[in-house]
C-alpha atoms as a PDB file:
ATOM      1  CA  UNK A   1      79.620 130.242 170.656  1.00  0.00           C
ATOM      2  CA  UNK A   2      81.004 129.309 167.244  1.00  0.00           C
ATOM      3  CA  UNK A   3      79.588 125.757 167.208  1.00  0.00           C
ATOM      4  CA  UNK A   4      76.057 126.333 168.433  1.00  0.00           C
ATOM      5  CA  UNK A   5      74.737 123.306 166.550  1.00  0.00           C
ATOM      6  CA  UNK A   6      76.752 120.966 168.759  1.00  0.00           C
ATOM      7  CA  UNK A   7      74.561 121.824 171.752  1.00  0.00           C
ATOM      8  CA  UNK A   8      71.138 120.390 172.596  1.00  0.00           C
ATOM      9  CA  UNK A   9      68.442 122.730 171.196  1.00  0.00           C
ATOM     10  CA  UNK A  10      67.324 123.659 174.727  1.00  0.00           C
ATOM     11  CA  UNK A  11      70.814 125.042 175.439  1.00  0.00           C
ATOM     12  CA  UNK A  12      71.339 127.054 172.250  1.00  0.00           C
ATOM     13  CA  UNK A  13      69.437 130.251 172.994  1.00  0.00           C
ATOM     14  CA  UNK A  14      71.476 130.637 176.184  1.00  0.00           C
ATOM     15  CA  UNK A  15      74.815 130.376 174.389  1.00  0.00           C
ATOM     16  CA  UNK A  16      74.528 132.897 171.569  1.00  0.00           C
ATOM     17  CA  UNK A  17      76.923 135.412 173.062  1.00  0.00           C
ATOM     18  CA  UNK A  18      79.583 133.023 174.349  1.00  0.00           C
ATOM     19  CA  UNK A  19      83.025 134.152 173.175  1.00  0.00           C
ATOM     20  CA  UNK A  20      85.236 134.847 176.163  1.00  0.00           C
ATOM     21  CA  UNK A  21      88.333 132.735 176.842  1.00  0.00           C
ATOM     22  CA  UNK A  22      88.976 131.524 180.351  1.00  0.00           C
ATOM     23  CA  UNK A  23      91.784 133.050 182.387  1.00  0.00           C
ATOM     24  CA  UNK A  24      93.098 130.680 185.115  1.00  0.00           C
ATOM     25  CA  UNK A  25      93.910 133.745 187.208  1.00  0.00           C
ATOM     26  CA  UNK A  26      90.162 134.024 187.834  1.00  0.00           C
ATOM     27  CA  UNK A  27      90.495 131.088 190.262  1.00  0.00           C
ATOM     28  CA  UNK A  28      93.620 132.255 192.077  1.00  0.00           C
ATOM     29  CA  UNK A  29      91.709 133.966 194.865  1.00  0.00           C
ATOM     30  CA  UNK A  30      89.980 130.737 195.915  1.00  0.00           C
ATOM     31  CA  UNK A  31      91.714 129.006 198.809  1.00  0.00           C
ATOM     32  CA  UNK A  32      92.443 125.334 198.254  1.00  0.00           C
ATOM     33  CA  UNK A  33      91.337 123.666 201.491  1.00  0.00           C
ATOM     34  CA  UNK A  34      90.745 120.186 200.071  1.00  0.00           C
ATOM     35  CA  UNK A  35      92.999 117.604 201.808  1.00  0.00           C
ATOM     36  CA  UNK A  36      95.905 116.291 199.747  1.00  0.00           C
ATOM     37  CA  UNK A  37      96.914 112.617 199.557  1.00  0.00           C
ATOM     38  CA  UNK A  38     100.129 111.365 197.950  1.00  0.00           C
ATOM     39  CA  UNK A  39      99.533 107.979 196.307  1.00  0.00           C
ATOM     40  CA  UNK A  40     103.205 107.039 196.490  1.00  0.00           C
ATOM     41  CA  UNK A  41     103.326 107.339 200.287  1.00  0.00           C
ATOM     42  CA  UNK A  42      99.789 107.093 201.629  1.00  0.00           C
ATOM     43  CA  UNK A  43      99.475 108.259 205.210  1.00  0.00           C
ATOM     44  CA  UNK A  44      96.563 106.221 206.571  1.00  0.00           C
ATOM     45  CA  UNK A  45      95.794 108.736 209.324  1.00  0.00           C
ATOM     46  CA  UNK A  46      95.576 111.610 206.839  1.00  0.00           C
ATOM     47  CA  UNK A  47      93.539 109.460 204.462  1.00  0.00           C
ATOM     48  CA  UNK A  48      91.111 108.536 207.223  1.00  0.00           C
ATOM     49  CA  UNK A  49      90.736 112.140 208.329  1.00  0.00           C
ATOM     50  CA  UNK A  50      90.040 113.287 204.754  1.00  0.00           C
ATOM     51  CA  UNK A  51      87.431 110.551 204.267  1.00  0.00           C
ATOM     52  CA  UNK A  52      85.719 111.210 207.605  1.00  0.00           C
ATOM     53  CA  UNK A  53      85.743 115.007 207.570  1.00  0.00           C
ATOM     54  CA  UNK A  54      85.514 115.845 203.852  1.00  0.00           C
ATOM     55  CA  UNK A  55      84.521 112.812 201.785  1.00  0.00           C
ATOM     56  CA  UNK A  56      86.836 114.254 199.161  1.00  0.00           C
ATOM     57  CA  UNK A  57      90.564 114.715 198.657  1.00  0.00           C
ATOM     58  CA  UNK A  58      93.085 115.759 196.039  1.00  0.00           C
ATOM     59  CA  UNK A  59      95.385 112.994 194.746  1.00  0.00           C
ATOM     60  CA  UNK A  60      98.968 113.663 193.641  1.00  0.00           C
ATOM     61  CA  UNK A  61     101.734 111.375 192.353  1.00  0.00           C
ATOM     62  CA  UNK A  62      99.089 109.107 190.844  1.00  0.00           C
ATOM     63  CA  UNK A  63     101.302 108.027 187.926  1.00  0.00           C
ATOM     64  CA  UNK A  64      98.620 108.657 185.297  1.00  0.00           C
ATOM     65  CA  UNK A  65     100.584 110.141 182.370  1.00  0.00           C
ATOM     66  CA  UNK A  66      99.844 113.838 181.915  1.00  0.00           C
ATOM     67  CA  UNK A  67      99.974 113.348 178.147  1.00  0.00           C
ATOM     68  CA  UNK A  68      97.182 110.747 178.375  1.00  0.00           C
ATOM     69  CA  UNK A  69      95.046 113.023 180.548  1.00  0.00           C
ATOM     70  CA  UNK A  70      95.457 115.924 178.137  1.00  0.00           C
ATOM     71  CA  UNK A  71      94.962 113.821 174.997  1.00  0.00           C
ATOM     72  CA  UNK A  72      91.730 112.327 176.340  1.00  0.00           C
ATOM     73  CA  UNK A  73      90.403 115.752 177.282  1.00  0.00           C
ATOM     74  CA  UNK A  74      91.234 117.214 173.866  1.00  0.00           C
ATOM     75  CA  UNK A  75      89.707 114.239 172.078  1.00  0.00           C
ATOM     76  CA  UNK A  76      86.565 114.548 174.198  1.00  0.00           C
ATOM     77  CA  UNK A  77      86.307 118.209 173.172  1.00  0.00           C
ATOM     78  CA  UNK A  78      86.429 117.185 169.509  1.00  0.00           C
ATOM     79  CA  UNK A  79      83.689 114.604 170.010  1.00  0.00           C
ATOM     80  CA  UNK A  80      81.534 117.119 171.885  1.00  0.00           C
ATOM     81  CA  UNK A  81      81.930 119.513 168.937  1.00  0.00           C
ATOM     82  CA  UNK A  82      80.016 117.107 166.671  1.00  0.00           C
ATOM     83  CA  UNK A  83      76.497 118.227 165.867  1.00  0.00           C
ATOM     84  CA  UNK A  84      73.824 117.392 168.429  1.00  0.00           C
ATOM     85  CA  UNK A  85      72.096 115.164 165.864  1.00  0.00           C
ATOM     86  CA  UNK A  86      75.341 113.288 165.123  1.00  0.00           C
ATOM     87  CA  UNK A  87      75.970 112.621 168.802  1.00  0.00           C
ATOM     88  CA  UNK A  88      72.448 111.258 169.228  1.00  0.00           C
ATOM     89  CA  UNK A  89      72.934 108.996 166.191  1.00  0.00           C
ATOM     90  CA  UNK A  90      76.475 107.755 166.907  1.00  0.00           C
ATOM     91  CA  UNK A  91      76.221 107.217 170.659  1.00  0.00           C
ATOM     92  CA  UNK A  92      73.411 104.862 171.609  1.00  0.00           C
ATOM     93  CA  UNK A  93      74.977 101.642 172.927  1.00  0.00           C
ATOM     94  CA  UNK A  94      77.150 100.725 174.716  1.00  0.00           C
ATOM     95  CA  UNK A  95      78.489 104.309 174.811  1.00  0.00           C
ATOM     96  CA  UNK A  96      75.535 106.671 175.229  1.00  0.00           C
ATOM     97  CA  UNK A  97      75.028 110.424 174.906  1.00  0.00           C
ATOM     98  CA  UNK A  98      72.912 112.333 177.426  1.00  0.00           C
ATOM     99  CA  UNK A  99      72.073 115.902 178.324  1.00  0.00           C
ATOM    100  CA  UNK A 100      70.058 117.912 180.838  1.00  0.00           C
ATOM    101  CA  UNK A 101      70.548 115.464 183.716  1.00  0.00           C
ATOM    102  CA  UNK A 102      73.287 113.192 185.102  1.00  0.00           C
ATOM    103  CA  UNK A 103      70.653 110.640 186.215  1.00  0.00           C
ATOM    104  CA  UNK A 104      70.758 107.658 183.842  1.00  0.00           C
ATOM    105  CA  UNK A 105      69.221 104.198 183.621  1.00  0.00           C
ATOM    106  CA  UNK A 106      71.558 101.143 183.673  1.00  0.00           C
ATOM    107  CA  UNK A 107      71.531 101.222 179.858  1.00  0.00           C
ATOM    108  CA  UNK A 108      72.666 104.855 179.816  1.00  0.00           C
ATOM    109  CA  UNK A 109      69.368 106.524 178.942  1.00  0.00           C
ATOM    110  CA  UNK A 110      68.657 109.828 180.672  1.00  0.00           C
ATOM    111  CA  UNK A 111      65.925 109.848 183.299  1.00  0.00           C
ATOM    112  CA  UNK A 112      63.614 112.706 182.382  1.00  0.00           C
ATOM    113  CA  UNK A 113      62.613 115.079 185.159  1.00  0.00           C
ATOM    114  CA  UNK A 114      60.774 117.686 183.113  1.00  0.00           C
ATOM    115  CA  UNK A 115      61.758 120.925 181.327  1.00  0.00           C
ATOM    116  CA  UNK A 116      61.834 122.960 184.534  1.00  0.00           C
ATOM    117  CA  UNK A 117      64.531 120.815 186.139  1.00  0.00           C
ATOM    118  CA  UNK A 118      67.356 120.954 183.600  1.00  0.00           C
ATOM    119  CA  UNK A 119      70.986 120.621 184.619  1.00  0.00           C
ATOM    120  CA  UNK A 120      73.246 122.531 182.229  1.00  0.00           C
ATOM    121  CA  UNK A 121      75.373 119.546 181.252  1.00  0.00           C
ATOM    122  CA  UNK A 122      75.797 117.063 178.432  1.00  0.00           C
ATOM    123  CA  UNK A 123      77.938 113.970 178.443  1.00  0.00           C
ATOM    124  CA  UNK A 124      79.015 110.561 177.229  1.00  0.00           C
ATOM    125  CA  UNK A 125      78.493 107.499 179.421  1.00  0.00           C
ATOM    126  CA  UNK A 126      81.164 104.839 178.817  1.00  0.00           C
ATOM    127  CA  UNK A 127      80.885 101.373 180.462  1.00  0.00           C
ATOM    128  CA  UNK A 128      84.528 100.305 180.244  1.00  0.00           C
ATOM    129  CA  UNK A 129      83.793  96.551 180.222  1.00  0.00           C
ATOM    130  CA  UNK A 130      81.705  97.033 177.048  1.00  0.00           C
ATOM    131  CA  UNK A 131      83.949  99.538 175.285  1.00  0.00           C
ATOM    132  CA  UNK A 132      85.258  96.947 172.808  1.00  0.00           C
ATOM    133  CA  UNK A 133      81.701  96.691 171.440  1.00  0.00           C
ATOM    134  CA  UNK A 134      81.678 100.390 170.524  1.00  0.00           C
ATOM    135  CA  UNK A 135      81.723 100.537 166.723  1.00  0.00           C
ATOM    136  CA  UNK A 136      84.332 103.237 166.129  1.00  0.00           C
ATOM    137  CA  UNK A 137      86.873 101.689 163.736  1.00  0.00           C
ATOM    138  CA  UNK A 138      85.562 103.461 160.645  1.00  0.00           C
ATOM    139  CA  UNK A 139      85.885 106.933 162.161  1.00  0.00           C
ATOM    140  CA  UNK A 140      89.480 107.966 163.089  1.00  0.00           C
ATOM    141  CA  UNK A 141      88.271 110.460 165.711  1.00  0.00           C
ATOM    142  CA  UNK A 142      86.017 107.951 167.478  1.00  0.00           C
ATOM    143  CA  UNK A 143      88.635 105.203 167.163  1.00  0.00           C
ATOM    144  CA  UNK A 144      91.198 107.413 168.893  1.00  0.00           C
ATOM    145  CA  UNK A 145      88.623 108.326 171.555  1.00  0.00           C
ATOM    146  CA  UNK A 146      88.013 104.638 172.285  1.00  0.00           C
ATOM    147  CA  UNK A 147      91.734 103.778 172.540  1.00  0.00           C
ATOM    148  CA  UNK A 148      92.370 106.680 174.917  1.00  0.00           C
ATOM    149  CA  UNK A 149      89.378 105.681 177.060  1.00  0.00           C
ATOM    150  CA  UNK A 150      90.632 102.079 177.261  1.00  0.00           C
ATOM    151  CA  UNK A 151      94.083 103.170 178.441  1.00  0.00           C
ATOM    152  CA  UNK A 152      92.642 105.737 180.846  1.00  0.00           C
ATOM    153  CA  UNK A 153      90.263 103.147 182.268  1.00  0.00           C
ATOM    154  CA  UNK A 154      93.150 100.811 183.097  1.00  0.00           C
ATOM    155  CA  UNK A 155      94.848 103.570 185.089  1.00  0.00           C
ATOM    156  CA  UNK A 156      91.603 104.432 186.880  1.00  0.00           C
ATOM    157  CA  UNK A 157      91.094 100.802 187.905  1.00  0.00           C
ATOM    158  CA  UNK A 158      94.598 100.762 189.385  1.00  0.00           C
ATOM    159  CA  UNK A 159      93.989 103.957 191.361  1.00  0.00           C
ATOM    160  CA  UNK A 160      90.603 102.817 192.665  1.00  0.00           C
ATOM    161  CA  UNK A 161      91.952  99.446 193.810  1.00  0.00           C
ATOM    162  CA  UNK A 162      94.954 101.017 195.574  1.00  0.00           C
ATOM    163  CA  UNK A 163      92.880 103.661 197.341  1.00  0.00           C
ATOM    164  CA  UNK A 164      90.131 101.236 198.351  1.00  0.00           C
ATOM    165  CA  UNK A 165      92.647  98.810 199.836  1.00  0.00           C
ATOM    166  CA  UNK A 166      94.125 101.656 201.888  1.00  0.00           C
ATOM    167  CA  UNK A 167      90.654 102.665 203.091  1.00  0.00           C
ATOM    168  CA  UNK A 168      89.807  99.082 204.068  1.00  0.00           C
ATOM    169  CA  UNK A 169      93.035  98.986 206.078  1.00  0.00           C
ATOM    170  CA  UNK A 170      92.274 102.327 207.732  1.00  0.00           C
ATOM    171  CA  UNK A 171      88.781 101.096 208.685  1.00  0.00           C
ATOM    172  CA  UNK A 172      90.134  97.790 210.012  1.00  0.00           C
ATOM    173  CA  UNK A 173      87.822  95.839 207.726  1.00  0.00           C
ATOM    174  CA  UNK A 174      88.547  92.279 206.626  1.00  0.00           C
ATOM    175  CA  UNK A 175      90.477  92.587 203.364  1.00  0.00           C
ATOM    176  CA  UNK A 176      89.192  89.299 201.904  1.00  0.00           C
ATOM    177  CA  UNK A 177      85.544  89.987 202.755  1.00  0.00           C
ATOM    178  CA  UNK A 178      85.863  93.514 201.349  1.00  0.00           C
ATOM    179  CA  UNK A 179      87.219  92.495 197.942  1.00  0.00           C
ATOM    180  CA  UNK A 180      83.756  92.157 196.399  1.00  0.00           C
ATOM    181  CA  UNK A 181      82.829  95.674 197.567  1.00  0.00           C
ATOM    182  CA  UNK A 182      84.817  97.166 194.699  1.00  0.00           C
ATOM    183  CA  UNK A 183      85.005  95.573 191.278  1.00  0.00           C
ATOM    184  CA  UNK A 184      86.914  97.063 188.348  1.00  0.00           C
ATOM    185  CA  UNK A 185      84.472  95.334 185.988  1.00  0.00           C
ATOM    186  CA  UNK A 186      81.786  97.827 187.090  1.00  0.00           C
ATOM    187  CA  UNK A 187      83.853 100.899 186.223  1.00  0.00           C
ATOM    188  CA  UNK A 188      82.656 103.491 183.767  1.00  0.00           C
ATOM    189  CA  UNK A 189      83.831 106.877 182.578  1.00  0.00           C
ATOM    190  CA  UNK A 190      81.695 109.926 181.937  1.00  0.00           C
ATOM    191  CA  UNK A 191      82.940 112.868 179.923  1.00  0.00           C
ATOM    192  CA  UNK A 192      81.058 116.090 180.647  1.00  0.00           C
ATOM    193  CA  UNK A 193      80.669 119.456 178.919  1.00  0.00           C
ATOM    194  CA  UNK A 194      79.073 122.397 180.707  1.00  0.00           C
ATOM    195  CA  UNK A 195      78.039 125.393 178.574  1.00  0.00           C
ATOM    196  CA  UNK A 196      79.150 128.900 179.378  1.00  0.00           C
ATOM    197  CA  UNK A 197      76.038 131.019 179.762  1.00  0.00           C
ATOM    198  CA  UNK A 198      76.251 134.650 178.576  1.00  0.00           C
ATOM    199  CA  UNK A 199      74.581 136.457 181.458  1.00  0.00           C
ATOM    200  CA  UNK A 200      74.942 134.440 184.624  1.00  0.00           C
ATOM    201  CA  UNK A 201      76.202 131.303 186.327  1.00  0.00           C
ATOM    202  CA  UNK A 202      73.797 128.386 186.681  1.00  0.00           C
ATOM    203  CA  UNK A 203      73.831 124.836 188.013  1.00  0.00           C
ATOM    204  CA  UNK A 204      75.602 122.493 185.642  1.00  0.00           C
ATOM    205  CA  UNK A 205      74.904 119.756 188.162  1.00  0.00           C
ATOM    206  CA  UNK A 206      72.721 120.241 191.208  1.00  0.00           C
ATOM    207  CA  UNK A 207      73.686 119.309 194.769  1.00  0.00           C
ATOM    208  CA  UNK A 208      74.101 115.540 194.975  1.00  0.00           C
ATOM    209  CA  UNK A 209      76.183 112.640 196.241  1.00  0.00           C
ATOM    210  CA  UNK A 210      77.644 110.013 193.923  1.00  0.00           C
ATOM    211  CA  UNK A 211      76.196 106.507 194.218  1.00  0.00           C
ATOM    212  CA  UNK A 212      79.597 104.896 193.636  1.00  0.00           C
ATOM    213  CA  UNK A 213      82.210 103.477 195.971  1.00  0.00           C
ATOM    214  CA  UNK A 214      84.752 105.965 194.594  1.00  0.00           C
ATOM    215  CA  UNK A 215      84.693 108.599 191.877  1.00  0.00           C
ATOM    216  CA  UNK A 216      87.917 109.916 190.335  1.00  0.00           C
ATOM    217  CA  UNK A 217      87.622 113.306 188.647  1.00  0.00           C
ATOM    218  CA  UNK A 218      89.910 115.044 186.194  1.00  0.00           C
ATOM    219  CA  UNK A 219      88.983 118.736 185.897  1.00  0.00           C
ATOM    220  CA  UNK A 220      90.098 121.198 183.249  1.00  0.00           C
ATOM    221  CA  UNK A 221      91.408 124.632 184.306  1.00  0.00           C
ATOM    222  CA  UNK A 222      87.927 126.103 184.561  1.00  0.00           C
ATOM    223  CA  UNK A 223      86.535 126.139 188.098  1.00  0.00           C
ATOM    224  CA  UNK A 224      82.981 125.307 189.068  1.00  0.00           C
ATOM    225  CA  UNK A 225      83.096 122.231 191.328  1.00  0.00           C
ATOM    226  CA  UNK A 226      81.974 123.017 194.869  1.00  0.00           C
ATOM    227  CA  UNK A 227      81.840 120.840 198.010  1.00  0.00           C
ATOM    228  CA  UNK A 228      79.182 121.316 200.707  1.00  0.00           C
ATOM    229  CA  UNK A 229      80.561 120.829 204.215  1.00  0.00           C
ATOM    230  CA  UNK A 230      79.642 122.255 207.628  1.00  0.00           C
ATOM    231  CA  UNK A 231      76.801 124.272 206.035  1.00  0.00           C
ATOM    232  CA  UNK A 232      79.277 126.047 203.741  1.00  0.00           C
ATOM    233  CA  UNK A 233      80.308 125.777 200.111  1.00  0.00           C
ATOM    234  CA  UNK A 234      84.002 125.217 199.350  1.00  0.00           C
ATOM    235  CA  UNK A 235      85.378 125.829 195.862  1.00  0.00           C
ATOM    236  CA  UNK A 236      87.473 122.912 194.596  1.00  0.00           C
ATOM    237  CA  UNK A 237      90.288 124.700 192.837  1.00  0.00           C
ATOM    238  CA  UNK A 238      91.423 123.175 189.522  1.00  0.00           C
ATOM    239  CA  UNK A 239      95.127 122.270 189.784  1.00  0.00           C
ATOM    240  CA  UNK A 240      96.578 120.711 186.610  1.00  0.00           C
ATOM    241  CA  UNK A 241      97.932 117.182 186.956  1.00  0.00           C
ATOM    242  CA  UNK A 242      95.967 116.350 190.114  1.00  0.00           C
ATOM    243  CA  UNK A 243      92.872 114.197 190.546  1.00  0.00           C
ATOM    244  CA  UNK A 244      89.893 114.804 192.825  1.00  0.00           C
ATOM    245  CA  UNK A 245      88.619 111.718 194.668  1.00  0.00           C
ATOM    246  CA  UNK A 246      84.965 111.698 195.777  1.00  0.00           C
ATOM    247  CA  UNK A 247      83.683 109.112 198.185  1.00  0.00           C
ATOM    248  CA  UNK A 248      80.265 107.850 197.144  1.00  0.00           C
ATOM    249  CA  UNK A 249      77.242 106.428 198.933  1.00  0.00           C
ATOM    250  CA  UNK A 250      78.521 102.843 198.705  1.00  0.00           C
ATOM    251  CA  UNK A 251      81.740 103.785 200.521  1.00  0.00           C
ATOM    252  CA  UNK A 252      79.767 105.534 203.258  1.00  0.00           C
ATOM    253  CA  UNK A 253      77.658 102.402 203.780  1.00  0.00           C
ATOM    254  CA  UNK A 254      80.688 100.061 203.627  1.00  0.00           C
ATOM    255  CA  UNK A 255      82.365 102.183 206.314  1.00  0.00           C
ATOM    256  CA  UNK A 256      79.194 102.129 208.448  1.00  0.00           C
ATOM    257  CA  UNK A 257      79.073 105.944 208.253  1.00  0.00           C
ATOM    258  CA  UNK A 258      82.659 106.441 209.459  1.00  0.00           C
ATOM    259  CA  UNK A 259      83.396 107.938 206.052  1.00  0.00           C
ATOM    260  CA  UNK A 260      81.103 110.450 204.379  1.00  0.00           C
ATOM    261  CA  UNK A 261      79.770 110.603 200.856  1.00  0.00           C
ATOM    262  CA  UNK A 262      80.748 113.983 199.419  1.00  0.00           C
ATOM    263  CA  UNK A 263      77.900 116.452 198.803  1.00  0.00           C
ATOM    264  CA  UNK A 264      78.854 118.526 195.791  1.00  0.00           C
ATOM    265  CA  UNK A 265      77.591 120.501 192.819  1.00  0.00           C
ATOM    266  CA  UNK A 266      78.913 122.101 189.641  1.00  0.00           C
ATOM    267  CA  UNK A 267      78.275 125.708 188.688  1.00  0.00           C
ATOM    268  CA  UNK A 268      78.685 126.834 185.107  1.00  0.00           C
ATOM    269  CA  UNK A 269      80.988 129.750 184.315  1.00  0.00           C
ATOM    270  CA  UNK A 270      79.881 132.888 182.533  1.00  0.00           C
ATOM    271  CA  UNK A 271      80.804 132.741 178.840  1.00  0.00           C
ATOM    272  CA  UNK A 272      83.222 129.813 179.061  1.00  0.00           C
ATOM    273  CA  UNK A 273      82.750 126.062 178.649  1.00  0.00           C
ATOM    274  CA  UNK A 274      83.905 123.581 181.281  1.00  0.00           C
ATOM    275  CA  UNK A 275      85.032 120.028 180.508  1.00  0.00           C
ATOM    276  CA  UNK A 276      85.670 117.195 182.949  1.00  0.00           C
ATOM    277  CA  UNK A 277      86.163 113.437 182.928  1.00  0.00           C
ATOM    278  CA  UNK A 278      85.055 111.246 185.826  1.00  0.00           C
ATOM    279  CA  UNK A 279      85.536 107.553 186.579  1.00  0.00           C
ATOM    280  CA  UNK A 280      83.023 105.738 188.785  1.00  0.00           C
ATOM    281  CA  UNK A 281      83.420 102.275 190.319  1.00  0.00           C
ATOM    282  CA  UNK A 282      80.932 100.107 192.247  1.00  0.00           C
ATOM    283  CA  UNK A 283      80.637  96.868 194.213  1.00  0.00           C
ATOM    284  CA  UNK A 284      80.665  93.564 192.369  1.00  0.00           C
ATOM    285  CA  UNK A 285      77.282  92.511 190.980  1.00  0.00           C
ATOM    286  CA  UNK A 286      75.372  90.744 193.750  1.00  0.00           C
ATOM    287  CA  UNK A 287      77.803  91.754 196.475  1.00  0.00           C
ATOM    288  CA  UNK A 288      75.834  92.446 199.678  1.00  0.00           C
ATOM    289  CA  UNK A 289      76.850  95.443 201.772  1.00  0.00           C
ATOM    290  CA  UNK A 290      76.472  94.630 205.452  1.00  0.00           C
ATOM    291  CA  UNK A 291      76.925  97.155 208.242  1.00  0.00           C
ATOM    292  CA  UNK A 292      75.136  97.787 211.521  1.00  0.00           C
ATOM    293  CA  UNK A 293      73.590 101.098 210.387  1.00  0.00           C
ATOM    294  CA  UNK A 294      71.967  99.678 207.239  1.00  0.00           C
ATOM    295  CA  UNK A 295      69.752  96.867 206.099  1.00  0.00           C
ATOM    296  CA  UNK A 296      71.749  94.425 203.913  1.00  0.00           C
ATOM    297  CA  UNK A 297      71.554  95.576 200.287  1.00  0.00           C
ATOM    298  CA  UNK A 298      73.306  95.273 196.946  1.00  0.00           C
ATOM    299  CA  UNK A 299      74.210  98.122 194.648  1.00  0.00           C
ATOM    300  CA  UNK A 300      71.489  96.898 192.289  1.00  0.00           C
ATOM    301  CA  UNK A 301      68.946  97.311 195.112  1.00  0.00           C
ATOM    302  CA  UNK A 302      70.239 100.823 195.757  1.00  0.00           C
ATOM    303  CA  UNK A 303      70.232 101.845 192.088  1.00  0.00           C
ATOM    304  CA  UNK A 304      66.675 100.572 191.575  1.00  0.00           C
ATOM    305  CA  UNK A 305      65.471 102.547 194.605  1.00  0.00           C
ATOM    306  CA  UNK A 306      67.233 105.722 193.451  1.00  0.00           C
ATOM    307  CA  UNK A 307      65.717 105.457 189.986  1.00  0.00           C
ATOM    308  CA  UNK A 308      62.265 104.851 191.415  1.00  0.00           C
ATOM    309  CA  UNK A 309      62.596 107.901 193.678  1.00  0.00           C
ATOM    310  CA  UNK A 310      63.747 110.108 190.802  1.00  0.00           C
ATOM    311  CA  UNK A 311      60.789 108.997 188.687  1.00  0.00           C
ATOM    312  CA  UNK A 312      58.190 109.401 191.443  1.00  0.00           C
ATOM    313  CA  UNK A 313      59.594 112.193 193.632  1.00  0.00           C
ATOM    314  CA  UNK A 314      61.879 114.006 191.184  1.00  0.00           C
ATOM    315  CA  UNK A 315      64.997 113.561 193.319  1.00  0.00           C
ATOM    316  CA  UNK A 316      67.328 110.975 194.847  1.00  0.00           C
ATOM    317  CA  UNK A 317      66.742 109.997 198.493  1.00  0.00           C
ATOM    318  CA  UNK A 318      69.760 107.696 198.673  1.00  0.00           C
ATOM    319  CA  UNK A 319      71.117 105.903 201.720  1.00  0.00           C
ATOM    320  CA  UNK A 320      68.306 107.062 203.982  1.00  0.00           C
ATOM    321  CA  UNK A 321      66.091 104.457 202.282  1.00  0.00           C
ATOM    322  CA  UNK A 322      68.283 101.653 203.664  1.00  0.00           C
ATOM    323  CA  UNK A 323      69.106 103.111 207.088  1.00  0.00           C
ATOM    324  CA  UNK A 324      68.135 101.201 210.236  1.00  0.00           C
ATOM    325  CA  UNK A 325      66.456 103.689 212.533  1.00  0.00           C
ATOM    326  CA  UNK A 326      66.754 102.960 216.223  1.00  0.00           C
ATOM    327  CA  UNK A 327      63.553 103.578 218.198  1.00  0.00           C
END
């Protein structure tokens, strides 16, 4: 790779031979089985089926400008190309830089799980409600990055609200009582870069579920996202202009297990980088999730338990910690 110094030192020896450009034709043989939902004419039955059977769907006609999506991705690439040391210095708070794991503390600091458990990913964690505090005015590249993130975040909030309202309707939940279960003020964006390894594919992100209510993913043309369903792995084909919606653990609990939280992973590609941008949104601070399968809990309770499990066990246990088990 031509810009080896932009990578964390632990990644550099693996990237010395990276030079190949990605050919989208490499993904053409992968069947696209992920359900498709049209935002402009949401079919509640199809939405419910996708949420129950897959926990993931592809969104079209979302009205997010393609130019904005492309500009944000290109700007993210430029920021990732800064030296590793510069990224550590420039991105501390509220926007933070992380690598080796997607597991972060509430302040955006990576949760260390040891050198033998590295995920081949680096990223920027962007709490949208605090983005105005990000000191970027003196650097044109960072200033542009912030403006694009602000505009993108507004679109993501609109999508999340529209989709969540449709899901509440499909589940026959009380719309007023459910309002606090998704709050745009909690939304954040993560931009990810996965290195292309010279000899083999590896896990850019290990098998996991998102802790969010909803996650909205914009992929580049490089494949790598895979969904685990019915004891099989399904490739999630990158299709330009579409979004991938993941249901998270909070949505599964809100739905009382009618909907499923998507189990997924990311595999790196040989000799080619992968970039993606994902928006995550959560329940309002202090909002209590109540359903017959779970003990009442807030997202803060859930997050604290997940972080404790990662520190003590090395992995996330998740919803099972809050499940009511019938004797």
